C-alpha cells in the first residue's frame, strides 16, 4: 500500500524535516566530513534556504544541544544559555567578579554527573545548595561559583560534567554585533582549551564571517555554504515531492519555476504546494495527475512573494530611518544604489566602490561625503535591521569582500514587480 502524505507535509513549511529533503553533495557531504573531523563549523546562507533542515538532517539530535540566539543577548546571556542546556541550574551569587558583576552559582541538575577536580572538591555533582553534604556519601559535593563572563570558567564548568555534545548556535546573526565579535574571540579559547565543538548557523553570504571578527580562527573554523541550489537539485526537490504525492509536475512548469525562483528553495516548495492544492491534491493521490500545466508561473510566484510586501515595505521605511535622525541620513542613502540596481547586479552583490561612486554623485554632500561614513553605515546594516526587528534580515555587508548582499531571495523577486520610482519616493529619495 502506498504511504499517505498530505501536501503540506511534503511541500509546506513544517517543524520537522521536509519529506522531500534532497541532499546536496557540496553541502551535506562536506558538513558530515567536517563534523567527523571535529571542526568548528559555520553554516551560512540566505533566509529560507534550508540551513535548519541541513542541520536536522546531518546532526543526530541526541548528540547536540541547541541554543537559540537572541538580539538581546550579551556574552553572559549566551554563556548562561549554553550552561542551562548542558544541564546546569543557575542562581546568582552575592560575590562580585573582577568586572563588578555578580558571580553565579551553577549546579548540575539531578542525574547529571561529573568530576569536580580543579574546583576544590571531588565526587558527584549534586543539585543541592552550596556546601551541601549528601546522606549517602561522606564526600562533600558543591556547586560551582563562577564568573559567567569568563570563558575559562564556562569551559571548566562544562568539563566538570564531562560534557560531550556539540553546541549549535542557531540564528547567530540575531546577536548584537559586539556579542558576535566577542564570541569569535572566545571561540579560539574553546578550541585550544577544550574538545567542545560549535556549529554556528547564520544568515549571511560571507564565507569567513567569524574569521573577519577574529583572524586567529583561520584554519580553526570551516564554513559550509547552504545558499546555493543548482537547477538539477531544485528539479529533484520537485520530482521527489511529486513522487510522495503520486503526481507528476509538468516539465514547462518546473523549468519556468526554477528560472523565476532565483535559487530560492522556499519559493519552489511553496509554488509546488499551491499548484497541487489548485488541482485539488491535498494528499497522496490514488490516480496519476499532471500538475502545473497551463499555470502562469510568474503570477504564482508574484503572489507568493507579495505575501511579504508589508515586511519589505517595512524594511525600506525602518532601514531608511537609521538608528536615529542624522544630518547625513546614510542608511536612507544606502537604499538608493539598491533600488536603482538591476536585479542581476543585486544577485551578485553591490561592491563598496560602486556604492561609494553612486553616493558621491547623488548624495547632497556629493564628493565631500566622508567614505568612512559609508563604511560605518554598511557595517552596521545588519545590526540596524535586528534592532528594528526586521527578521529575517534582508541586506548584509560582507566586510572581507566589501560587498553588500541581498540575503532574502524573495525580496529580489518582489523588487522585479515594483515601480522603483514609487519606492524611492516612499523613502524620500530622488527618482
Foldseek 3Di string as FASTA:
>chain_A
DADKDFLCQALNDDPAQHPLDDDDCQFLVVVLVCVVVLFAEEEEFFPQLCSVNSCRVRDDPVFEFEDEDAQPDAQLNVLVSVLVRLAWDKDWDPDADPVRHTWIWIFGDPPQFFALPPQPFGDTTDNDAAQDDDPVDPGTHGTHTGHSNDLVVSQSNCVRSPRRGEYEYEALLLYAPVRLLVVLVSVVVCQPVHSHYYYYYHYDDAQPVSCVSPVVCVVRYGYGYSHADDLVNLVSSLQSSCVSQQEAEDPVQSVVQSVLLLRNSSLSSVLSSVQCVVVVRGMRDPDYYYTDPPDPNLVSSLVVLVVCVVLVLVCLQQQQCFPHDDPQSQSNLLVVCVLPDDLVDQQVFAALVNSLQVCLCFGPCRVVDDSVVNVVSQQCSSVSCSVVVSPPDQWHAHPVRRTIHGSHSSVSSNSVPDDSCVSCVSSPGHD
